[in-house]
PDB file of all heavy atoms in Angstrom:
ATOM      1  N   GLU A   1      97.575-112.834  80.526  1.00  0.00           N
ATOM      2  CA  GLU A   1      98.644-113.731  80.131  1.00  0.00           C
ATOM      3  C   GLU A   1      98.121-115.169  80.085  1.00  0.00           C
ATOM      4  O   GLU A   1      97.249-115.546  80.862  1.00  0.00           O
ATOM      5  CB  GLU A   1      99.813-113.653  81.124  1.00  0.00           C
ATOM      6  CG  GLU A   1     100.386-112.263  81.316  1.00  0.00           C
ATOM      7  CD  GLU A   1      99.547-111.408  82.247  1.00  0.00           C
ATOM      8  OE1 GLU A   1      98.741-111.993  83.018  1.00  0.00           O
ATOM      9  OE2 GLU A   1      99.666-110.176  82.192  1.00  0.00           O
ATOM     10  N   PRO A   2      98.660-115.998  79.179  1.00  0.00           N
ATOM     11  CA  PRO A   2      98.252-117.410  79.130  1.00  0.00           C
ATOM     12  C   PRO A   2      98.509-118.112  80.464  1.00  0.00           C
ATOM     13  O   PRO A   2      99.505-117.843  81.134  1.00  0.00           O
ATOM     14  CB  PRO A   2      99.138-117.990  78.015  1.00  0.00           C
ATOM     15  CG  PRO A   2      99.541-116.812  77.189  1.00  0.00           C
ATOM     16  CD  PRO A   2      99.643-115.652  78.135  1.00  0.00           C
ATOM     17  N   GLN A   3      97.595-118.970  80.841  1.00  0.00           N
ATOM     18  CA  GLN A   3      97.694-119.713  82.090  1.00  0.00           C
ATOM     19  C   GLN A   3      98.008-121.174  81.772  1.00  0.00           C
ATOM     20  O   GLN A   3      97.274-121.813  81.007  1.00  0.00           O
ATOM     21  CB  GLN A   3      96.395-119.616  82.880  1.00  0.00           C
ATOM     22  CG  GLN A   3      95.982-118.189  83.219  1.00  0.00           C
ATOM     23  CD  GLN A   3      96.949-117.536  84.183  1.00  0.00           C
ATOM     24  OE1 GLN A   3      97.154-118.018  85.294  1.00  0.00           O
ATOM     25  NE2 GLN A   3      97.550-116.416  83.768  1.00  0.00           N
ATOM     26  N   PRO A   4      99.067-121.725  82.356  1.00  0.00           N
ATOM     27  CA  PRO A   4      99.463-123.089  81.979  1.00  0.00           C
ATOM     28  C   PRO A   4      98.424-124.157  82.286  1.00  0.00           C
ATOM     29  O   PRO A   4      98.355-125.174  81.589  1.00  0.00           O
ATOM     30  CB  PRO A   4     100.747-123.319  82.789  1.00  0.00           C
ATOM     31  CG  PRO A   4     100.684-122.331  83.913  1.00  0.00           C
ATOM     32  CD  PRO A   4      99.962-121.146  83.369  1.00  0.00           C
ATOM     33  N   HIS A   5      97.608-123.948  83.311  1.00  0.00           N
ATOM     34  CA  HIS A   5      96.670-124.999  83.723  1.00  0.00           C
ATOM     35  C   HIS A   5      95.203-124.637  83.458  1.00  0.00           C
ATOM     36  O   HIS A   5      94.308-125.363  83.897  1.00  0.00           O
ATOM     37  CB  HIS A   5      96.849-125.300  85.214  1.00  0.00           C
ATOM     38  CG  HIS A   5      98.251-125.682  85.568  1.00  0.00           C
ATOM     39  ND1 HIS A   5      98.851-126.826  85.092  1.00  0.00           N
ATOM     40  CD2 HIS A   5      99.186-125.051  86.344  1.00  0.00           C
ATOM     41  CE1 HIS A   5     100.086-126.915  85.557  1.00  0.00           C
ATOM     42  NE2 HIS A   5     100.320-125.854  86.313  1.00  0.00           N
ATOM     43  N   LEU A   6      94.959-123.540  82.763  1.00  0.00           N
ATOM     44  CA  LEU A   6      93.591-123.089  82.511  1.00  0.00           C
ATOM     45  C   LEU A   6      93.407-122.741  81.038  1.00  0.00           C
ATOM     46  O   LEU A   6      94.341-122.290  80.371  1.00  0.00           O
ATOM     47  CB  LEU A   6      93.268-121.840  83.354  1.00  0.00           C
ATOM     48  CG  LEU A   6      93.035-122.021  84.848  1.00  0.00           C
ATOM     49  CD1 LEU A   6      92.960-120.666  85.529  1.00  0.00           C
ATOM     50  CD2 LEU A   6      91.756-122.806  85.099  1.00  0.00           C
ATOM     51  N   ARG A   7      92.189-122.932  80.564  1.00  0.00           N
ATOM     52  CA  ARG A   7      91.809-122.460  79.232  1.00  0.00           C
ATOM     53  C   ARG A   7      90.502-121.680  79.372  1.00  0.00           C
ATOM     54  O   ARG A   7      89.620-122.064  80.153  1.00  0.00           O
ATOM     55  CB  ARG A   7      91.619-123.631  78.262  1.00  0.00           C
ATOM     56  CG  ARG A   7      92.878-124.430  78.005  1.00  0.00           C
ATOM     57  CD  ARG A   7      93.915-123.631  77.221  1.00  0.00           C
ATOM     58  NE  ARG A   7      95.099-124.442  76.953  1.00  0.00           N
ATOM     59  CZ  ARG A   7      96.157-124.513  77.756  1.00  0.00           C
ATOM     60  NH1 ARG A   7      96.154-123.844  78.912  1.00  0.00           N
ATOM     61  NH2 ARG A   7      97.195-125.257  77.429  1.00  0.00           N
ATOM     62  N   PHE A   8      90.368-120.610  78.619  1.00  0.00           N
ATOM     63  CA  PHE A   8      89.189-119.747  78.686  1.00  0.00           C
ATOM     64  C   PHE A   8      88.490-119.754  77.334  1.00  0.00           C
ATOM     65  O   PHE A   8      89.094-119.437  76.304  1.00  0.00           O
ATOM     66  CB  PHE A   8      89.604-118.330  79.093  1.00  0.00           C
ATOM     67  CG  PHE A   8      90.254-118.270  80.444  1.00  0.00           C
ATOM     68  CD1 PHE A   8      91.638-118.281  80.561  1.00  0.00           C
ATOM     69  CD2 PHE A   8      89.486-118.236  81.594  1.00  0.00           C
ATOM     70  CE1 PHE A   8      92.242-118.247  81.809  1.00  0.00           C
ATOM     71  CE2 PHE A   8      90.079-118.207  82.848  1.00  0.00           C
ATOM     72  CZ  PHE A   8      91.461-118.214  82.952  1.00  0.00           C
ATOM     73  N   LEU A   9      87.199-120.108  77.356  1.00  0.00           N
ATOM     74  CA  LEU A   9      86.415-120.264  76.134  1.00  0.00           C
ATOM     75  C   LEU A   9      85.305-119.220  76.090  1.00  0.00           C
ATOM     76  O   LEU A   9      84.800-118.771  77.122  1.00  0.00           O
ATOM     77  CB  LEU A   9      85.804-121.664  76.076  1.00  0.00           C
ATOM     78  CG  LEU A   9      86.724-122.847  76.446  1.00  0.00           C
ATOM     79  CD1 LEU A   9      85.936-124.147  76.384  1.00  0.00           C
ATOM     80  CD2 LEU A   9      87.935-122.900  75.546  1.00  0.00           C
ATOM     81  N   ASP A  10      84.911-118.877  74.869  1.00  0.00           N
ATOM     82  CA  ASP A  10      83.771-117.982  74.676  1.00  0.00           C
ATOM     83  C   ASP A  10      82.474-118.773  74.755  1.00  0.00           C
ATOM     84  O   ASP A  10      82.451-119.994  74.555  1.00  0.00           O
ATOM     85  CB  ASP A  10      83.855-117.299  73.305  1.00  0.00           C
ATOM     86  CG  ASP A  10      85.043-116.372  73.188  1.00  0.00           C
ATOM     87  OD1 ASP A  10      85.425-115.765  74.207  1.00  0.00           O
ATOM     88  OD2 ASP A  10      85.606-116.269  72.078  1.00  0.00           O
ATOM     89  N   PHE A  11      81.368-118.065  75.031  1.00  0.00           N
ATOM     90  CA  PHE A  11      80.043-118.656  74.898  1.00  0.00           C
ATOM     91  C   PHE A  11      79.640-118.587  73.427  1.00  0.00           C
ATOM     92  O   PHE A  11      79.799-117.540  72.777  1.00  0.00           O
ATOM     93  CB  PHE A  11      79.017-117.900  75.747  1.00  0.00           C
ATOM     94  CG  PHE A  11      78.896-118.424  77.146  1.00  0.00           C
ATOM     95  CD1 PHE A  11      79.625-117.853  78.179  1.00  0.00           C
ATOM     96  CD2 PHE A  11      78.058-119.488  77.433  1.00  0.00           C
ATOM     97  CE1 PHE A  11      79.518-118.328  79.474  1.00  0.00           C
ATOM     98  CE2 PHE A  11      77.944-119.978  78.731  1.00  0.00           C
ATOM     99  CZ  PHE A  11      78.676-119.399  79.753  1.00  0.00           C
ATOM    100  N   ALA A  12      79.121-119.698  72.910  1.00  0.00           N
ATOM    101  CA  ALA A  12      78.671-119.735  71.521  1.00  0.00           C
ATOM    102  C   ALA A  12      77.273-119.158  71.374  1.00  0.00           C
ATOM    103  O   ALA A  12      76.820-118.906  70.258  1.00  0.00           O
ATOM    104  CB  ALA A  12      78.713-121.172  70.996  1.00  0.00           C
ATOM    105  N   ASP A  13      76.580-118.932  72.483  1.00  0.00           N
ATOM    106  CA  ASP A  13      75.207-118.425  72.430  1.00  0.00           C
ATOM    107  C   ASP A  13      75.175-117.016  71.846  1.00  0.00           C
ATOM    108  O   ASP A  13      76.101-116.215  72.026  1.00  0.00           O
ATOM    109  CB  ASP A  13      74.617-118.415  73.838  1.00  0.00           C
ATOM    110  CG  ASP A  13      74.706-119.770  74.508  1.00  0.00           C
ATOM    111  OD1 ASP A  13      75.808-120.110  74.983  1.00  0.00           O
ATOM    112  OD2 ASP A  13      73.697-120.480  74.543  1.00  0.00           O
ATOM    113  N   ASP A  14      74.097-116.692  71.148  1.00  0.00           N
ATOM    114  CA  ASP A  14      73.935-115.369  70.541  1.00  0.00           C
ATOM    115  C   ASP A  14      72.631-114.740  71.045  1.00  0.00           C
ATOM    116  O   ASP A  14      71.553-115.221  70.722  1.00  0.00           O
ATOM    117  CB  ASP A  14      73.905-115.487  69.018  1.00  0.00           C
ATOM    118  CG  ASP A  14      73.874-114.113  68.340  1.00  0.00           C
ATOM    119  OD1 ASP A  14      74.263-113.132  69.017  1.00  0.00           O
ATOM    120  OD2 ASP A  14      73.468-114.038  67.170  1.00  0.00           O
ATOM    121  N   PRO A  15      72.711-113.688  71.881  1.00  0.00           N
ATOM    122  CA  PRO A  15      73.942-113.055  72.370  1.00  0.00           C
ATOM    123  C   PRO A  15      74.557-113.875  73.507  1.00  0.00           C
ATOM    124  O   PRO A  15      73.845-114.627  74.181  1.00  0.00           O
ATOM    125  CB  PRO A  15      73.457-111.704  72.876  1.00  0.00           C
ATOM    126  CG  PRO A  15      72.060-111.966  73.335  1.00  0.00           C
ATOM    127  CD  PRO A  15      71.498-112.979  72.377  1.00  0.00           C
ATOM    128  N   PRO A  16      75.851-113.704  73.751  1.00  0.00           N
ATOM    129  CA  PRO A  16      76.476-114.431  74.860  1.00  0.00           C
ATOM    130  C   PRO A  16      76.015-113.862  76.188  1.00  0.00           C
ATOM    131  O   PRO A  16      75.645-112.691  76.286  1.00  0.00           O
ATOM    132  CB  PRO A  16      77.976-114.174  74.639  1.00  0.00           C
ATOM    133  CG  PRO A  16      78.028-112.880  73.890  1.00  0.00           C
ATOM    134  CD  PRO A  16      76.814-112.878  73.007  1.00  0.00           C
ATOM    135  N   PRO A  17      75.999-114.673  77.237  1.00  0.00           N
ATOM    136  CA  PRO A  17      75.632-114.160  78.564  1.00  0.00           C
ATOM    137  C   PRO A  17      76.562-113.021  78.973  1.00  0.00           C
ATOM    138  O   PRO A  17      77.764-113.041  78.678  1.00  0.00           O
ATOM    139  CB  PRO A  17      75.818-115.380  79.480  1.00  0.00           C
ATOM    140  CG  PRO A  17      75.737-116.558  78.572  1.00  0.00           C
ATOM    141  CD  PRO A  17      76.313-116.112  77.269  1.00  0.00           C
ATOM    142  N   SER A  18      76.011-112.037  79.657  1.00  0.00           N
ATOM    143  CA  SER A  18      76.802-110.874  80.076  1.00  0.00           C
ATOM    144  C   SER A  18      76.111-110.206  81.255  1.00  0.00           C
ATOM    145  O   SER A  18      75.002-110.574  81.630  1.00  0.00           O
ATOM    146  CB  SER A  18      76.961-109.880  78.923  1.00  0.00           C
ATOM    147  OG  SER A  18      75.697-109.319  78.571  1.00  0.00           O
ATOM    148  N   ARG A  19      76.775-109.223  81.812  1.00  0.00           N
ATOM    149  CA  ARG A  19      76.176-108.411  82.860  1.00  0.00           C
ATOM    150  C   ARG A  19      76.450-106.946  82.561  1.00  0.00           C
ATOM    151  O   ARG A  19      77.465-106.597  81.959  1.00  0.00           O
ATOM    152  CB  ARG A  19      76.724-108.771  84.245  1.00  0.00           C
ATOM    153  CG  ARG A  19      78.208-108.476  84.438  1.00  0.00           C
ATOM    154  CD  ARG A  19      78.654-108.831  85.841  1.00  0.00           C
ATOM    155  NE  ARG A  19      80.080-108.573  86.044  1.00  0.00           N
ATOM    156  CZ  ARG A  19      80.724-108.791  87.194  1.00  0.00           C
ATOM    157  NH1 ARG A  19      80.073-109.285  88.233  1.00  0.00           N
ATOM    158  NH2 ARG A  19      82.007-108.534  87.305  1.00  0.00           N
ATOM    159  N   ARG A  20      75.540-106.091  82.978  1.00  0.00           N
ATOM    160  CA  ARG A  20      75.740-104.638  82.829  1.00  0.00           C
ATOM    161  C   ARG A  20      76.240-104.068  84.152  1.00  0.00           C
ATOM    162  O   ARG A  20      75.617-104.239  85.199  1.00  0.00           O
ATOM    163  CB  ARG A  20      74.452-103.946  82.411  1.00  0.00           C
ATOM    164  CG  ARG A  20      74.565-102.427  82.399  1.00  0.00           C
ATOM    165  CD  ARG A  20      73.581-101.777  81.455  1.00  0.00           C
ATOM    166  NE  ARG A  20      73.871-102.123  80.071  1.00  0.00           N
ATOM    167  CZ  ARG A  20      73.205-101.637  79.014  1.00  0.00           C
ATOM    168  NH1 ARG A  20      72.207-100.792  79.215  1.00  0.00           N
ATOM    169  NH2 ARG A  20      73.527-101.995  77.791  1.00  0.00           N
ATOM    170  N   VAL A  21      77.351-103.372  84.087  1.00  0.00           N
ATOM    171  CA  VAL A  21      77.957-102.753  85.260  1.00  0.00           C
ATOM    172  C   VAL A  21      77.602-101.270  85.250  1.00  0.00           C
ATOM    173  O   VAL A  21      77.744-100.594  84.223  1.00  0.00           O
ATOM    174  CB  VAL A  21      79.485-102.960  85.265  1.00  0.00           C
ATOM    175  CG1 VAL A  21      80.135-102.215  86.423  1.00  0.00           C
ATOM    176  CG2 VAL A  21      79.808-104.448  85.341  1.00  0.00           C
ATOM    177  N   VAL A  22      77.120-100.783  86.395  1.00  0.00           N
ATOM    178  CA  VAL A  22      76.630 -99.405  86.473  1.00  0.00           C
ATOM    179  C   VAL A  22      77.230 -98.696  87.685  1.00  0.00           C
ATOM    180  O   VAL A  22      77.702 -99.331  88.627  1.00  0.00           O
ATOM    181  CB  VAL A  22      75.087 -99.358  86.570  1.00  0.00           C
ATOM    182  CG1 VAL A  22      74.440-100.021  85.369  1.00  0.00           C
ATOM    183  CG2 VAL A  22      74.605-100.004  87.868  1.00  0.00           C
ATOM    184  N   LEU A  23      77.193 -97.384  87.621  1.00  0.00           N
ATOM    185  CA  LEU A  23      77.550 -96.538  88.756  1.00  0.00           C
ATOM    186  C   LEU A  23      76.250 -96.031  89.364  1.00  0.00           C
ATOM    187  O   LEU A  23      75.400 -95.489  88.657  1.00  0.00           O
ATOM    188  CB  LEU A  23      78.424 -95.367  88.300  1.00  0.00           C
ATOM    189  CG  LEU A  23      78.869 -94.364  89.355  1.00  0.00           C
ATOM    190  CD1 LEU A  23      79.720 -95.038  90.424  1.00  0.00           C
ATOM    191  CD2 LEU A  23      79.652 -93.215  88.712  1.00  0.00           C
ATOM    192  N   ALA A  24      76.080 -96.221  90.665  1.00  0.00           N
ATOM    193  CA  ALA A  24      74.841 -95.848  91.357  1.00  0.00           C
ATOM    194  C   ALA A  24      75.152 -94.848  92.455  1.00  0.00           C
ATOM    195  O   ALA A  24      76.187 -94.938  93.120  1.00  0.00           O
ATOM    196  CB  ALA A  24      74.159 -97.082  91.945  1.00  0.00           C
ATOM    197  N   TRP A  25      74.243 -93.874  92.666  1.00  0.00           N
ATOM    198  CA  TRP A  25      74.388 -92.901  93.745  1.00  0.00           C
ATOM    199  C   TRP A  25      73.014 -92.380  94.141  1.00  0.00           C
ATOM    200  O   TRP A  25      72.045 -92.514  93.397  1.00  0.00           O
ATOM    201  CB  TRP A  25      75.313 -91.752  93.331  1.00  0.00           C
ATOM    202  CG  TRP A  25      74.776 -90.870  92.227  1.00  0.00           C
ATOM    203  CD1 TRP A  25      74.110 -89.681  92.365  1.00  0.00           C
ATOM    204  CD2 TRP A  25      74.855 -91.098  90.802  1.00  0.00           C
ATOM    205  NE1 TRP A  25      73.783 -89.152  91.134  1.00  0.00           N
ATOM    206  CE2 TRP A  25      74.230 -90.001  90.162  1.00  0.00           C
ATOM    207  CE3 TRP A  25      75.402 -92.123  90.017  1.00  0.00           C
ATOM    208  CZ2 TRP A  25      74.130 -89.916  88.784  1.00  0.00           C
ATOM    209  CZ3 TRP A  25      75.297 -92.033  88.638  1.00  0.00           C
ATOM    210  CH2 TRP A  25      74.667 -90.944  88.039  1.00  0.00           C
ATOM    211  N   ARG A  26      72.936 -91.828  95.339  1.00  0.00           N
ATOM    212  CA  ARG A  26      71.667 -91.248  95.802  1.00  0.00           C
ATOM    213  C   ARG A  26      71.335 -90.020  94.956  1.00  0.00           C
ATOM    214  O   ARG A  26      72.211 -89.209  94.623  1.00  0.00           O
ATOM    215  CB  ARG A  26      71.765 -90.830  97.273  1.00  0.00           C
ATOM    216  CG  ARG A  26      71.914 -91.973  98.243  1.00  0.00           C
ATOM    217  CD  ARG A  26      71.891 -91.473  99.688  1.00  0.00           C
ATOM    218  NE  ARG A  26      72.826 -90.371  99.910  1.00  0.00           N
ATOM    219  CZ  ARG A  26      74.139 -90.514 100.042  1.00  0.00           C
ATOM    220  NH1 ARG A  26      74.675 -91.721  99.965  1.00  0.00           N
ATOM    221  NH2 ARG A  26      74.902 -89.470 100.249  1.00  0.00           N
ATOM    222  N   ARG A  27      70.063 -89.864  94.655  1.00  0.00           N
ATOM    223  CA  ARG A  27      69.651 -88.709  93.856  1.00  0.00           C
ATOM    224  C   ARG A  27      69.895 -87.397  94.588  1.00  0.00           C
ATOM    225  O   ARG A  27      70.021 -86.346  93.965  1.00  0.00           O
ATOM    226  CB  ARG A  27      68.175 -88.833  93.480  1.00  0.00           C
ATOM    227  CG  ARG A  27      67.889 -90.033  92.589  1.00  0.00           C
ATOM    228  CD  ARG A  27      66.439 -90.097  92.142  1.00  0.00           C
ATOM    229  NE  ARG A  27      66.169 -91.310  91.398  1.00  0.00           N
ATOM    230  CZ  ARG A  27      66.423 -91.465  90.101  1.00  0.00           C
ATOM    231  NH1 ARG A  27      66.945 -90.461  89.415  1.00  0.00           N
ATOM    232  NH2 ARG A  27      66.153 -92.606  89.496  1.00  0.00           N
ATOM    233  N   SER A  28      69.982 -87.456  95.901  1.00  0.00           N
ATOM    234  CA  SER A  28      70.216 -86.247  96.684  1.00  0.00           C
ATOM    235  C   SER A  28      71.695 -85.890  96.791  1.00  0.00           C
ATOM    236  O   SER A  28      72.044 -84.847  97.347  1.00  0.00           O
ATOM    237  CB  SER A  28      69.637 -86.419  98.099  1.00  0.00           C
ATOM    238  OG  SER A  28      70.225 -87.543  98.741  1.00  0.00           O
ATOM    239  N   PHE A  29      72.579 -86.745  96.287  1.00  0.00           N
ATOM    240  CA  PHE A  29      74.015 -86.476  96.369  1.00  0.00           C
ATOM    241  C   PHE A  29      74.343 -85.268  95.500  1.00  0.00           C
ATOM    242  O   PHE A  29      73.973 -85.206  94.324  1.00  0.00           O
ATOM    243  CB  PHE A  29      74.800 -87.704  95.904  1.00  0.00           C
ATOM    244  CG  PHE A  29      76.290 -87.592  96.072  1.00  0.00           C
ATOM    245  CD1 PHE A  29      76.843 -87.354  97.318  1.00  0.00           C
ATOM    246  CD2 PHE A  29      77.134 -87.732  94.985  1.00  0.00           C
ATOM    247  CE1 PHE A  29      78.217 -87.260  97.482  1.00  0.00           C
ATOM    248  CE2 PHE A  29      78.506 -87.650  95.139  1.00  0.00           C
ATOM    249  CZ  PHE A  29      79.046 -87.397  96.392  1.00  0.00           C
ATOM    250  N   THR A  30      75.066 -84.299  96.055  1.00  0.00           N
ATOM    251  CA  THR A  30      75.227 -83.003  95.393  1.00  0.00           C
ATOM    252  C   THR A  30      76.510 -82.850  94.572  1.00  0.00           C
ATOM    253  O   THR A  30      76.642 -81.887  93.822  1.00  0.00           O
ATOM    254  CB  THR A  30      75.194 -81.873  96.435  1.00  0.00           C
ATOM    255  OG1 THR A  30      76.227 -82.083  97.397  1.00  0.00           O
ATOM    256  CG2 THR A  30      73.832 -81.833  97.129  1.00  0.00           C
ATOM    257  N   ARG A  31      77.437 -83.767  94.705  1.00  0.00           N
ATOM    258  CA  ARG A  31      78.717 -83.613  93.987  1.00  0.00           C
ATOM    259  C   ARG A  31      78.630 -84.254  92.595  1.00  0.00           C
ATOM    260  O   ARG A  31      79.249 -85.261  92.290  1.00  0.00           O
ATOM    261  CB  ARG A  31      79.855 -84.217  94.802  1.00  0.00           C
ATOM    262  CG  ARG A  31      80.115 -83.506  96.103  1.00  0.00           C
ATOM    263  CD  ARG A  31      81.175 -84.215  96.928  1.00  0.00           C
ATOM    264  NE  ARG A  31      82.483 -84.220  96.283  1.00  0.00           N
ATOM    265  CZ  ARG A  31      83.526 -84.912  96.717  1.00  0.00           C
ATOM    266  NH1 ARG A  31      83.396 -85.683  97.796  1.00  0.00           N
ATOM    267  NH2 ARG A  31      84.677 -84.865  96.085  1.00  0.00           N
ATOM    268  N   TYR A  32      77.843 -83.620  91.726  1.00  0.00           N
ATOM    269  CA  TYR A  32      77.643 -84.164  90.386  1.00  0.00           C
ATOM    270  C   TYR A  32      78.957 -84.269  89.615  1.00  0.00           C
ATOM    271  O   TYR A  32      79.184 -85.207  88.855  1.00  0.00           O
ATOM    272  CB  TYR A  32      76.658 -83.287  89.616  1.00  0.00           C
ATOM    273  CG  TYR A  32      75.410 -82.941  90.390  1.00  0.00           C
ATOM    274  CD1 TYR A  32      75.151 -81.630  90.761  1.00  0.00           C
ATOM    275  CD2 TYR A  32      74.495 -83.931  90.752  1.00  0.00           C
ATOM    276  CE1 TYR A  32      74.011 -81.301  91.492  1.00  0.00           C
ATOM    277  CE2 TYR A  32      73.350 -83.608  91.473  1.00  0.00           C
ATOM    278  CZ  TYR A  32      73.122 -82.290  91.836  1.00  0.00           C
ATOM    279  OH  TYR A  32      72.001 -81.972  92.561  1.00  0.00           O
ATOM    280  N   GLU A  33      79.835 -83.265  89.797  1.00  0.00           N
ATOM    281  CA  GLU A  33      81.107 -83.265  89.079  1.00  0.00           C
ATOM    282  C   GLU A  33      81.980 -84.442  89.495  1.00  0.00           C
ATOM    283  O   GLU A  33      82.725 -84.991  88.684  1.00  0.00           O
ATOM    284  CB  GLU A  33      81.848 -81.951  89.322  1.00  0.00           C
ATOM    285  CG  GLU A  33      81.151 -80.720  88.744  1.00  0.00           C
ATOM    286  CD  GLU A  33      80.110 -80.132  89.693  1.00  0.00           C
ATOM    287  OE1 GLU A  33      79.806 -80.777  90.724  1.00  0.00           O
ATOM    288  OE2 GLU A  33      79.611 -79.030  89.404  1.00  0.00           O
ATOM    289  N   ALA A  34      81.891 -84.832  90.764  1.00  0.00           N
ATOM    290  CA  ALA A  34      82.670 -85.977  91.240  1.00  0.00           C
ATOM    291  C   ALA A  34      82.183 -87.272  90.585  1.00  0.00           C
ATOM    292  O   ALA A  34      82.997 -88.128  90.201  1.00  0.00           O
ATOM    293  CB  ALA A  34      82.576 -86.078  92.757  1.00  0.00           C
ATOM    294  N   ILE A  35      80.871 -87.425  90.448  1.00  0.00           N
ATOM    295  CA  ILE A  35      80.310 -88.597  89.777  1.00  0.00           C
ATOM    296  C   ILE A  35      80.776 -88.643  88.329  1.00  0.00           C
ATOM    297  O   ILE A  35      81.200 -89.684  87.813  1.00  0.00           O
ATOM    298  CB  ILE A  35      78.772 -88.581  89.849  1.00  0.00           C
ATOM    299  CG1 ILE A  35      78.294 -88.713  91.301  1.00  0.00           C
ATOM    300  CG2 ILE A  35      78.175 -89.683  88.977  1.00  0.00           C
ATOM    301  CD1 ILE A  35      78.601 -90.037  91.952  1.00  0.00           C
ATOM    302  N   ALA A  36      80.715 -87.490  87.652  1.00  0.00           N
ATOM    303  CA  ALA A  36      81.135 -87.426  86.250  1.00  0.00           C
ATOM    304  C   ALA A  36      82.623 -87.740  86.117  1.00  0.00           C
ATOM    305  O   ALA A  36      83.037 -88.451  85.193  1.00  0.00           O
ATOM    306  CB  ALA A  36      80.828 -86.048  85.673  1.00  0.00           C
ATOM    307  N   ALA A  37      83.432 -87.225  87.040  1.00  0.00           N
ATOM    308  CA  ALA A  37      84.870 -87.475  86.986  1.00  0.00           C
ATOM    309  C   ALA A  37      85.171 -88.956  87.188  1.00  0.00           C
ATOM    310  O   ALA A  37      86.044 -89.532  86.521  1.00  0.00           O
ATOM    311  CB  ALA A  37      85.587 -86.636  88.043  1.00  0.00           C
ATOM    312  N   LEU A  38      84.444 -89.590  88.110  1.00  0.00           N
ATOM    313  CA  LEU A  38      84.656 -91.019  88.356  1.00  0.00           C
ATOM    314  C   LEU A  38      84.262 -91.825  87.131  1.00  0.00           C
ATOM    315  O   LEU A  38      84.978 -92.754  86.722  1.00  0.00           O
ATOM    316  CB  LEU A  38      83.850 -91.462  89.575  1.00  0.00           C
ATOM    317  CG  LEU A  38      84.013 -92.932  89.969  1.00  0.00           C
ATOM    318  CD1 LEU A  38      85.438 -93.219  90.416  1.00  0.00           C
ATOM    319  CD2 LEU A  38      83.038 -93.301  91.080  1.00  0.00           C
ATOM    320  N   ARG A  39      83.140 -91.482  86.531  1.00  0.00           N
ATOM    321  CA  ARG A  39      82.691 -92.215  85.343  1.00  0.00           C
ATOM    322  C   ARG A  39      83.690 -92.047  84.202  1.00  0.00           C
ATOM    323  O   ARG A  39      84.008 -93.000  83.490  1.00  0.00           O
ATOM    324  CB  ARG A  39      81.312 -91.711  84.925  1.00  0.00           C
ATOM    325  CG  ARG A  39      80.695 -92.523  83.796  1.00  0.00           C
ATOM    326  CD  ARG A  39      79.193 -92.302  83.711  1.00  0.00           C
ATOM    327  NE  ARG A  39      78.610 -93.141  82.674  1.00  0.00           N
ATOM    328  CZ  ARG A  39      78.224 -92.697  81.488  1.00  0.00           C
ATOM    329  NH1 ARG A  39      78.358 -91.413  81.184  1.00  0.00           N
ATOM    330  NH2 ARG A  39      77.696 -93.513  80.601  1.00  0.00           N
TER     331      ARG A  39
END
């Protein structure tokens, strides 16, 4: 929703700054279906 006291602008840089969000788990974790369901 619009904020009365704030304005949000895009970065003009190409590509714009960003971050990659990942799901991490131990390789020994056995509940593969649970990881897939969460993803």
